[in-house]
C-alpha atoms as a PDB file:
ATOM      1  CA  UNK A   1      -2.179  -7.946 -14.957  1.00  0.00           C
ATOM      2  CA  UNK A   2      -2.601  -6.028 -11.551  1.00  0.00           C
ATOM      3  CA  UNK A   3      -0.687  -7.113  -8.402  1.00  0.00           C
ATOM      4  CA  UNK A   4      -1.258  -5.992  -4.799  1.00  0.00           C
ATOM      5  CA  UNK A   5       0.795  -7.313  -1.660  1.00  0.00           C
ATOM      6  CA  UNK A   6      -0.833  -8.180   1.666  1.00  0.00           C
ATOM      7  CA  UNK A   7       1.185  -7.928   4.806  1.00  0.00           C
ATOM      8  CA  UNK A   8       0.466 -10.547   7.336  1.00  0.00           C
ATOM      9  CA  UNK A   9       1.529 -10.966  10.958  1.00  0.00           C
ATOM     10  CA  UNK A  10       2.665 -14.408  10.182  1.00  0.00           C
ATOM     11  CA  UNK A  11       2.835 -16.644   7.411  1.00  0.00           C
ATOM     12  CA  UNK A  12      -1.179 -17.434   7.267  1.00  0.00           C
ATOM     13  CA  UNK A  13      -1.549 -20.032   4.356  1.00  0.00           C
ATOM     14  CA  UNK A  14      -4.629 -18.808   1.781  1.00  0.00           C
ATOM     15  CA  UNK A  15      -7.472 -20.458   2.127  1.00  0.00           C
ATOM     16  CA  UNK A  16      -9.705 -20.005  -1.214  1.00  0.00           C
ATOM     17  CA  UNK A  17     -12.842 -20.971   0.453  1.00  0.00           C
ATOM     18  CA  UNK A  18     -12.478 -18.260   3.065  1.00  0.00           C
ATOM     19  CA  UNK A  19     -11.435 -15.665   0.528  1.00  0.00           C
ATOM     20  CA  UNK A  20     -14.875 -16.486  -1.343  1.00  0.00           C
ATOM     21  CA  UNK A  21     -16.825 -16.494   1.666  1.00  0.00           C
ATOM     22  CA  UNK A  22     -15.491 -13.146   2.811  1.00  0.00           C
ATOM     23  CA  UNK A  23     -16.403 -11.832  -1.166  1.00  0.00           C
ATOM     24  CA  UNK A  24     -19.951 -13.169  -0.794  1.00  0.00           C
ATOM     25  CA  UNK A  25     -20.016 -11.246   2.544  1.00  0.00           C
ATOM     26  CA  UNK A  26     -18.786  -8.141   1.409  1.00  0.00           C
ATOM     27  CA  UNK A  27     -20.529  -8.102  -2.268  1.00  0.00           C
ATOM     28  CA  UNK A  28     -23.807 -10.033  -1.608  1.00  0.00           C
ATOM     29  CA  UNK A  29     -25.099  -8.883  -4.599  1.00  0.00           C
ATOM     30  CA  UNK A  30     -22.380  -9.602  -6.870  1.00  0.00           C
ATOM     31  CA  UNK A  31     -21.590 -13.086  -8.692  1.00  0.00           C
ATOM     32  CA  UNK A  32     -19.397 -14.962  -6.192  1.00  0.00           C
ATOM     33  CA  UNK A  33     -15.678 -16.091  -6.788  1.00  0.00           C
ATOM     34  CA  UNK A  34     -14.867 -19.811  -6.494  1.00  0.00           C
ATOM     35  CA  UNK A  35     -11.520 -21.501  -5.856  1.00  0.00           C
ATOM     36  CA  UNK A  36     -10.355 -23.181  -9.211  1.00  0.00           C
ATOM     37  CA  UNK A  37      -7.237 -24.665  -7.580  1.00  0.00           C
ATOM     38  CA  UNK A  38      -6.580 -27.031  -4.410  1.00  0.00           C
ATOM     39  CA  UNK A  39      -2.399 -26.918  -4.782  1.00  0.00           C
ATOM     40  CA  UNK A  40      -1.824 -24.993  -1.605  1.00  0.00           C
ATOM     41  CA  UNK A  41       1.820 -25.980  -0.929  1.00  0.00           C
ATOM     42  CA  UNK A  42       1.967 -24.281   2.354  1.00  0.00           C
ATOM     43  CA  UNK A  43       4.659 -21.722   3.556  1.00  0.00           C
ATOM     44  CA  UNK A  44       7.562 -23.112   1.068  1.00  0.00           C
ATOM     45  CA  UNK A  45       5.559 -22.333  -1.991  1.00  0.00           C
ATOM     46  CA  UNK A  46       2.234 -22.783  -3.478  1.00  0.00           C
ATOM     47  CA  UNK A  47      -0.946 -20.817  -5.345  1.00  0.00           C
ATOM     48  CA  UNK A  48      -4.550 -20.669  -4.894  1.00  0.00           C
ATOM     49  CA  UNK A  49      -6.736 -19.454  -7.503  1.00  0.00           C
ATOM     50  CA  UNK A  50     -10.022 -18.094  -7.379  1.00  0.00           C
ATOM     51  CA  UNK A  51     -12.200 -16.842 -10.663  1.00  0.00           C
ATOM     52  CA  UNK A  52     -15.215 -14.796 -11.163  1.00  0.00           C
ATOM     53  CA  UNK A  53     -16.934 -13.304 -13.750  1.00  0.00           C
ATOM     54  CA  UNK A  54     -14.384 -10.149 -13.636  1.00  0.00           C
ATOM     55  CA  UNK A  55     -11.199 -12.510 -14.013  1.00  0.00           C
ATOM     56  CA  UNK A  56      -8.905 -14.651 -12.188  1.00  0.00           C
ATOM     57  CA  UNK A  57      -7.200 -13.951  -8.772  1.00  0.00           C
ATOM     58  CA  UNK A  58      -4.009 -15.946  -7.666  1.00  0.00           C
ATOM     59  CA  UNK A  59      -2.510 -15.566  -4.169  1.00  0.00           C
ATOM     60  CA  UNK A  60       1.285 -16.759  -3.304  1.00  0.00           C
ATOM     61  CA  UNK A  61       2.477 -16.983   0.026  1.00  0.00           C
ATOM     62  CA  UNK A  62       6.137 -15.482   0.937  1.00  0.00           C
ATOM     63  CA  UNK A  63       7.022 -16.454   4.370  1.00  0.00           C
ATOM     64  CA  UNK A  64       9.000 -13.102   4.683  1.00  0.00           C
ATOM     65  CA  UNK A  65       8.161  -9.083   5.105  1.00  0.00           C
ATOM     66  CA  UNK A  66       7.891  -7.217   2.050  1.00  0.00           C
ATOM     67  CA  UNK A  67      12.062  -6.565   1.061  1.00  0.00           C
ATOM     68  CA  UNK A  68      13.934  -3.480   1.995  1.00  0.00           C
ATOM     69  CA  UNK A  69      11.016  -1.729   3.999  1.00  0.00           C
ATOM     70  CA  UNK A  70       9.165  -0.733   0.891  1.00  0.00           C
ATOM     71  CA  UNK A  71       5.950  -1.365   2.099  1.00  0.00           C
ATOM     72  CA  UNK A  72       6.808   0.839   5.287  1.00  0.00           C
ATOM     73  CA  UNK A  73       8.003   3.554   3.238  1.00  0.00           C
ATOM     74  CA  UNK A  74       4.602   4.061   1.119  1.00  0.00           C
ATOM     75  CA  UNK A  75       2.298   4.260   3.816  1.00  0.00           C
ATOM     76  CA  UNK A  76       3.183   7.933   3.624  1.00  0.00           C
ATOM     77  CA  UNK A  77       1.095   7.891   0.298  1.00  0.00           C
ATOM     78  CA  UNK A  78      -2.188   6.187   1.598  1.00  0.00           C
ATOM     79  CA  UNK A  79      -5.039   8.682   1.758  1.00  0.00           C
ATOM     80  CA  UNK A  80      -5.806   7.278   5.167  1.00  0.00           C
ATOM     81  CA  UNK A  81      -2.655   8.772   6.783  1.00  0.00           C
ATOM     82  CA  UNK A  82      -2.737  12.247   5.162  1.00  0.00           C
ATOM     83  CA  UNK A  83      -2.285  14.734   8.166  1.00  0.00           C
ATOM     84  CA  UNK A  84      -0.937  12.336  10.347  1.00  0.00           C
ATOM     85  CA  UNK A  85       2.238  10.127  11.021  1.00  0.00           C
ATOM     86  CA  UNK A  86       1.632   7.042   9.284  1.00  0.00           C
ATOM     87  CA  UNK A  87       2.108   3.764  11.258  1.00  0.00           C
ATOM     88  CA  UNK A  88       1.502   0.139  10.935  1.00  0.00           C
ATOM     89  CA  UNK A  89       2.373  -3.072  13.062  1.00  0.00           C
ATOM     90  CA  UNK A  90       5.089  -4.925  11.750  1.00  0.00           C
ATOM     91  CA  UNK A  91       4.358  -7.816   9.297  1.00  0.00           C
ATOM     92  CA  UNK A  92       6.499 -11.364   9.068  1.00  0.00           C
ATOM     93  CA  UNK A  93       4.981 -12.455   5.886  1.00  0.00           C
ATOM     94  CA  UNK A  94       2.991 -11.562   2.867  1.00  0.00           C
ATOM     95  CA  UNK A  95       0.591 -12.713   0.363  1.00  0.00           C
ATOM     96  CA  UNK A  96       1.323 -11.901  -3.394  1.00  0.00           C
ATOM     97  CA  UNK A  97      -1.719 -11.040  -5.306  1.00  0.00           C
ATOM     98  CA  UNK A  98      -1.675 -11.217  -9.068  1.00  0.00           C
ATOM     99  CA  UNK A  99      -5.118  -9.999 -10.536  1.00  0.00           C
ATOM    100  CA  UNK A 100      -5.893 -10.717 -14.186  1.00  0.00           C
ATOM    101  CA  UNK A 101      -9.097  -9.257 -15.511  1.00  0.00           C
ATOM    102  CA  UNK A 102     -11.251 -10.300 -18.626  1.00  0.00           C
ATOM    103  CA  UNK A 103      -9.979  -8.286 -21.745  1.00  0.00           C
ATOM    104  CA  UNK A 104     -13.701  -6.834 -21.834  1.00  0.00           C
ATOM    105  CA  UNK A 105     -13.046  -4.733 -18.663  1.00  0.00           C
ATOM    106  CA  UNK A 106     -11.822  -1.067 -19.074  1.00  0.00           C
ATOM    107  CA  UNK A 107      -8.994  -0.249 -16.903  1.00  0.00           C
ATOM    108  CA  UNK A 108     -10.920   1.596 -14.518  1.00  0.00           C
ATOM    109  CA  UNK A 109     -13.413  -1.477 -13.999  1.00  0.00           C
ATOM    110  CA  UNK A 110     -10.445  -4.003 -13.909  1.00  0.00           C
ATOM    111  CA  UNK A 111      -9.456  -1.854 -11.019  1.00  0.00           C
ATOM    112  CA  UNK A 112     -12.511  -1.712  -9.236  1.00  0.00           C
ATOM    113  CA  UNK A 113     -12.781  -5.593  -9.665  1.00  0.00           C
ATOM    114  CA  UNK A 114      -9.139  -6.094  -8.626  1.00  0.00           C
ATOM    115  CA  UNK A 115     -10.119  -3.734  -5.280  1.00  0.00           C
ATOM    116  CA  UNK A 116     -13.055  -6.169  -4.390  1.00  0.00           C
ATOM    117  CA  UNK A 117     -10.990  -9.357  -4.414  1.00  0.00           C
ATOM    118  CA  UNK A 118      -8.413  -7.621  -2.479  1.00  0.00           C
ATOM    119  CA  UNK A 119     -10.534  -6.422  -0.077  1.00  0.00           C
ATOM    120  CA  UNK A 120     -11.909 -10.258   0.529  1.00  0.00           C
ATOM    121  CA  UNK A 121      -8.324 -11.581   0.673  1.00  0.00           C
ATOM    122  CA  UNK A 122      -7.518  -9.135   3.165  1.00  0.00           C
ATOM    123  CA  UNK A 123     -10.676  -9.793   5.150  1.00  0.00           C
ATOM    124  CA  UNK A 124     -10.223 -13.509   5.225  1.00  0.00           C
ATOM    125  CA  UNK A 125      -6.434 -13.418   5.886  1.00  0.00           C
ATOM    126  CA  UNK A 126      -6.700 -11.033   8.799  1.00  0.00           C
ATOM    127  CA  UNK A 127      -3.941  -8.844   6.854  1.00  0.00           C
ATOM    128  CA  UNK A 128      -2.694  -5.476   8.341  1.00  0.00           C
ATOM    129  CA  UNK A 129      -2.303  -4.005   5.212  1.00  0.00           C
ATOM    130  CA  UNK A 130      -2.532  -3.845   1.664  1.00  0.00           C
ATOM    131  CA  UNK A 131       0.904  -2.348  -0.451  1.00  0.00           C
ATOM    132  CA  UNK A 132      -0.443  -1.363  -4.005  1.00  0.00           C
ATOM    133  CA  UNK A 133       2.831  -0.721  -5.821  1.00  0.00           C
ATOM    134  CA  UNK A 134       1.274   0.770  -8.887  1.00  0.00           C
ATOM    135  CA  UNK A 135       0.043   3.553  -6.770  1.00  0.00           C
ATOM    136  CA  UNK A 136       3.187   3.424  -4.412  1.00  0.00           C
ATOM    137  CA  UNK A 137       1.117   3.332  -1.424  1.00  0.00           C
ATOM    138  CA  UNK A 138       0.462   1.115   1.440  1.00  0.00           C
ATOM    139  CA  UNK A 139      -3.251   1.237   3.331  1.00  0.00           C
ATOM    140  CA  UNK A 140      -4.156  -0.062   6.378  1.00  0.00           C
ATOM    141  CA  UNK A 141      -6.136  -3.166   5.402  1.00  0.00           C
ATOM    142  CA  UNK A 142      -9.279  -2.443   7.640  1.00  0.00           C
ATOM    143  CA  UNK A 143      -9.670   1.417   5.919  1.00  0.00           C
ATOM    144  CA  UNK A 144      -8.980  -0.464   2.852  1.00  0.00           C
ATOM    145  CA  UNK A 145     -12.049  -2.942   3.064  1.00  0.00           C
ATOM    146  CA  UNK A 146     -14.190  -0.118   4.347  1.00  0.00           C
ATOM    147  CA  UNK A 147     -13.368   2.120   1.289  1.00  0.00           C
ATOM    148  CA  UNK A 148     -14.124  -0.883  -1.304  1.00  0.00           C
ATOM    149  CA  UNK A 149     -17.667  -1.512   0.688  1.00  0.00           C
ATOM    150  CA  UNK A 150     -18.751   1.950   0.996  1.00  0.00           C
ATOM    151  CA  UNK A 151     -17.250   4.189  -2.427  1.00  0.00           C
ATOM    152  CA  UNK A 152     -18.282   2.864  -6.125  1.00  0.00           C
ATOM    153  CA  UNK A 153     -15.244   4.428  -7.744  1.00  0.00           C
ATOM    154  CA  UNK A 154     -12.400   3.893  -4.984  1.00  0.00           C
ATOM    155  CA  UNK A 155     -10.141   5.960  -6.893  1.00  0.00           C
ATOM    156  CA  UNK A 156      -7.825   6.880  -3.833  1.00  0.00           C
ATOM    157  CA  UNK A 157      -7.130   2.879  -3.374  1.00  0.00           C
ATOM    158  CA  UNK A 158      -5.205   2.764  -6.964  1.00  0.00           C
ATOM    159  CA  UNK A 159      -3.699   6.326  -6.855  1.00  0.00           C
ATOM    160  CA  UNK A 160      -1.246   7.207  -3.913  1.00  0.00           C
ATOM    161  CA  UNK A 161      -1.119  10.823  -2.772  1.00  0.00           C
ATOM    162  CA  UNK A 162       1.612  12.712  -1.035  1.00  0.00           C
ATOM    163  CA  UNK A 163       0.926  15.886   0.963  1.00  0.00           C
ATOM    164  CA  UNK A 164       3.155  18.705   2.086  1.00  0.00           C
ATOM    165  CA  UNK A 165       2.783  22.295   3.569  1.00  0.00           C
ATOM    166  CA  UNK A 166       4.211  24.764   1.128  1.00  0.00           C
ATOM    167  CA  UNK A 167       6.865  26.884   3.043  1.00  0.00           C
ATOM    168  CA  UNK A 168       5.795  30.348   1.322  1.00  0.00           C
ATOM    169  CA  UNK A 169       3.520  33.272   2.570  1.00  0.00           C
ATOM    170  CA  UNK A 170       0.813  32.326   2.871  1.00  0.00           C
ATOM    171  CA  UNK A 171       1.414  28.758   3.286  1.00  0.00           C
ATOM    172  CA  UNK A 172      -0.549  26.358   0.958  1.00  0.00           C
ATOM    173  CA  UNK A 173      -1.234  22.552   0.601  1.00  0.00           C
ATOM    174  CA  UNK A 174       0.474  20.631  -2.170  1.00  0.00           C
ATOM    175  CA  UNK A 175      -0.887  17.343  -3.340  1.00  0.00           C
ATOM    176  CA  UNK A 176       0.803  15.227  -5.652  1.00  0.00           C
ATOM    177  CA  UNK A 177      -0.617  12.154  -7.317  1.00  0.00           C
ATOM    178  CA  UNK A 178       1.070   8.544  -7.715  1.00  0.00           C
ATOM    179  CA  UNK A 179      -0.116   6.007 -10.143  1.00  0.00           C
ATOM    180  CA  UNK A 180      -1.607   7.695 -13.509  1.00  0.00           C
ATOM    181  CA  UNK A 181       0.966   6.176 -15.515  1.00  0.00           C
ATOM    182  CA  UNK A 182      -1.714   3.110 -15.351  1.00  0.00           C
ATOM    183  CA  UNK A 183      -3.806   5.075 -17.798  1.00  0.00           C
ATOM    184  CA  UNK A 184      -1.252   6.665 -19.947  1.00  0.00           C
ATOM    185  CA  UNK A 185      -1.918   9.911 -18.186  1.00  0.00           C
ATOM    186  CA  UNK A 186       0.314  12.449 -16.319  1.00  0.00           C
ATOM    187  CA  UNK A 187      -0.023  12.949 -12.521  1.00  0.00           C
ATOM    188  CA  UNK A 188      -1.469  15.710 -10.795  1.00  0.00           C
ATOM    189  CA  UNK A 189      -0.282  18.370  -8.489  1.00  0.00           C
ATOM    190  CA  UNK A 190      -2.685  20.273  -6.880  1.00  0.00           C
ATOM    191  CA  UNK A 191      -2.107  23.261  -4.477  1.00  0.00           C
ATOM    192  CA  UNK A 192      -4.694  24.968  -2.320  1.00  0.00           C
ATOM    193  CA  UNK A 193      -5.051  27.783   0.543  1.00  0.00           C
ATOM    194  CA  UNK A 194      -4.117  26.257   3.952  1.00  0.00           C
ATOM    195  CA  UNK A 195      -7.826  26.535   5.171  1.00  0.00           C
ATOM    196  CA  UNK A 196      -8.932  24.283   2.238  1.00  0.00           C
ATOM    197  CA  UNK A 197      -7.189  21.215   2.760  1.00  0.00           C
ATOM    198  CA  UNK A 198     -10.214  19.058   2.810  1.00  0.00           C
ATOM    199  CA  UNK A 199     -12.080  20.574   0.121  1.00  0.00           C
ATOM    200  CA  UNK A 200      -8.728  20.420  -1.916  1.00  0.00           C
ATOM    201  CA  UNK A 201      -8.415  16.522  -1.264  1.00  0.00           C
ATOM    202  CA  UNK A 202     -11.874  15.724  -2.471  1.00  0.00           C
ATOM    203  CA  UNK A 203     -11.484  17.980  -5.661  1.00  0.00           C
ATOM    204  CA  UNK A 204      -7.785  16.093  -6.121  1.00  0.00           C
ATOM    205  CA  UNK A 205      -9.519  12.766  -6.172  1.00  0.00           C
ATOM    206  CA  UNK A 206     -12.619  13.917  -8.210  1.00  0.00           C
ATOM    207  CA  UNK A 207     -10.160  15.137 -11.382  1.00  0.00           C
ATOM    208  CA  UNK A 208      -8.286  12.329 -10.849  1.00  0.00           C
ATOM    209  CA  UNK A 209     -11.292  10.240 -11.380  1.00  0.00           C
ATOM    210  CA  UNK A 210     -12.829  11.934 -14.020  1.00  0.00           C
ATOM    211  CA  UNK A 211      -9.332  11.929 -16.087  1.00  0.00           C
ATOM    212  CA  UNK A 212      -9.059   7.840 -15.497  1.00  0.00           C
ATOM    213  CA  UNK A 213     -12.385   7.093 -16.355  1.00  0.00           C
ATOM    214  CA  UNK A 214     -12.861   9.437 -19.363  1.00  0.00           C
ATOM    215  CA  UNK A 215      -9.073   8.444 -20.642  1.00  0.00           C
ATOM    216  CA  UNK A 216      -8.758  12.298 -21.277  1.00  0.00           C
ATOM    217  CA  UNK A 217      -5.521  14.201 -20.479  1.00  0.00           C
ATOM    218  CA  UNK A 218      -6.191  17.684 -19.219  1.00  0.00           C
ATOM    219  CA  UNK A 219      -3.901  19.760 -21.642  1.00  0.00           C
ATOM    220  CA  UNK A 220      -1.327  22.610 -21.118  1.00  0.00           C
ATOM    221  CA  UNK A 221      -3.394  25.808 -21.326  1.00  0.00           C
ATOM    222  CA  UNK A 222      -6.740  24.207 -20.886  1.00  0.00           C
ATOM    223  CA  UNK A 223      -9.061  25.037 -17.624  1.00  0.00           C
ATOM    224  CA  UNK A 224     -10.944  23.158 -15.186  1.00  0.00           C
ATOM    225  CA  UNK A 225     -12.904  24.158 -12.415  1.00  0.00           C
ATOM    226  CA  UNK A 226     -15.284  23.031  -9.448  1.00  0.00           C
ATOM    227  CA  UNK A 227     -18.374  24.692 -10.806  1.00  0.00           C
ATOM    228  CA  UNK A 228     -19.890  25.666 -14.329  1.00  0.00           C
ATOM    229  CA  UNK A 229     -18.322  29.116 -13.871  1.00  0.00           C
ATOM    230  CA  UNK A 230     -15.096  28.188 -12.145  1.00  0.00           C
ATOM    231  CA  UNK A 231     -12.279  28.465 -14.718  1.00  0.00           C
ATOM    232  CA  UNK A 232      -8.652  27.284 -13.553  1.00  0.00           C
ATOM    233  CA  UNK A 233      -5.826  27.226 -15.819  1.00  0.00           C
ATOM    234  CA  UNK A 234      -3.827  24.151 -16.263  1.00  0.00           C
ATOM    235  CA  UNK A 235      -0.039  24.026 -16.813  1.00  0.00           C
ATOM    236  CA  UNK A 236       2.287  20.994 -17.452  1.00  0.00           C
ATOM    237  CA  UNK A 237       5.556  20.930 -15.443  1.00  0.00           C
ATOM    238  CA  UNK A 238       8.243  18.225 -14.846  1.00  0.00           C
ATOM    239  CA  UNK A 239       7.134  16.140 -12.150  1.00  0.00           C
ATOM    240  CA  UNK A 240       8.905  17.239  -9.103  1.00  0.00           C
ATOM    241  CA  UNK A 241       9.925  13.553  -8.036  1.00  0.00           C
ATOM    242  CA  UNK A 242      10.473  12.430 -11.737  1.00  0.00           C
ATOM    243  CA  UNK A 243      11.776  14.976 -14.266  1.00  0.00           C
ATOM    244  CA  UNK A 244      11.569  12.279 -17.118  1.00  0.00           C
ATOM    245  CA  UNK A 245       7.671  12.545 -16.680  1.00  0.00           C
ATOM    246  CA  UNK A 246       5.166  15.485 -16.473  1.00  0.00           C
ATOM    247  CA  UNK A 247       2.536  16.413 -14.116  1.00  0.00           C
ATOM    248  CA  UNK A 248      -0.302  18.913 -14.807  1.00  0.00           C
ATOM    249  CA  UNK A 249      -0.757  21.551 -12.365  1.00  0.00           C
ATOM    250  CA  UNK A 250      -3.963  23.053 -10.668  1.00  0.00           C
ATOM    251  CA  UNK A 251      -3.825  25.922  -8.201  1.00  0.00           C
ATOM    252  CA  UNK A 252      -6.912  26.390  -6.661  1.00  0.00           C
END
């Protein structure tokens, strides 16, 4: 099971038919999702459910913000906000969206399917943002929906990123991923020259997508590269934000 949270401006009762219609509008070439329960009980509780070929989505309304400012703090780990100050309008309620994929799907296929149903729910409810706890990232809802529509493998939605400029001479970009534990793999710490930020973040997600789809961990002492001839030595180190976990490090 995977879980996302939709940040809402106010308590908006989830309408399964509206979510199904939004899904059809966003993904007209895919089989539809359909309401499987009509037990919306209102703001005090209740759940709606929708079923499709890939699994079952539940939507549960909570008439309060995500506690302790957790969702707001994690805006900084969304790719949408890299290089700028993250800001979101305040939210007054949220929807909890558990997603249960069918057993035949791989982890990546399950996450792709989750992204589609989450985008439909966000569009149908007028959500402000989508908080993905496993990625430690809160994405603007309109950005999330557009990524799902346009990107076949939207790794940046289920893997968060933190960005810093290293205080050294010459300065360098540093990008750290969040969420590769979903695949039983270490996160990635990638550094690059200060002029190469755009190319670095693109390769950062390309490398994460390869690892998550292949199931292969890049081992300490192995090499990676952006071309057939490039050989960049990989090393494993303690994760700078969690010493109990490792990261694999790539210096472009």
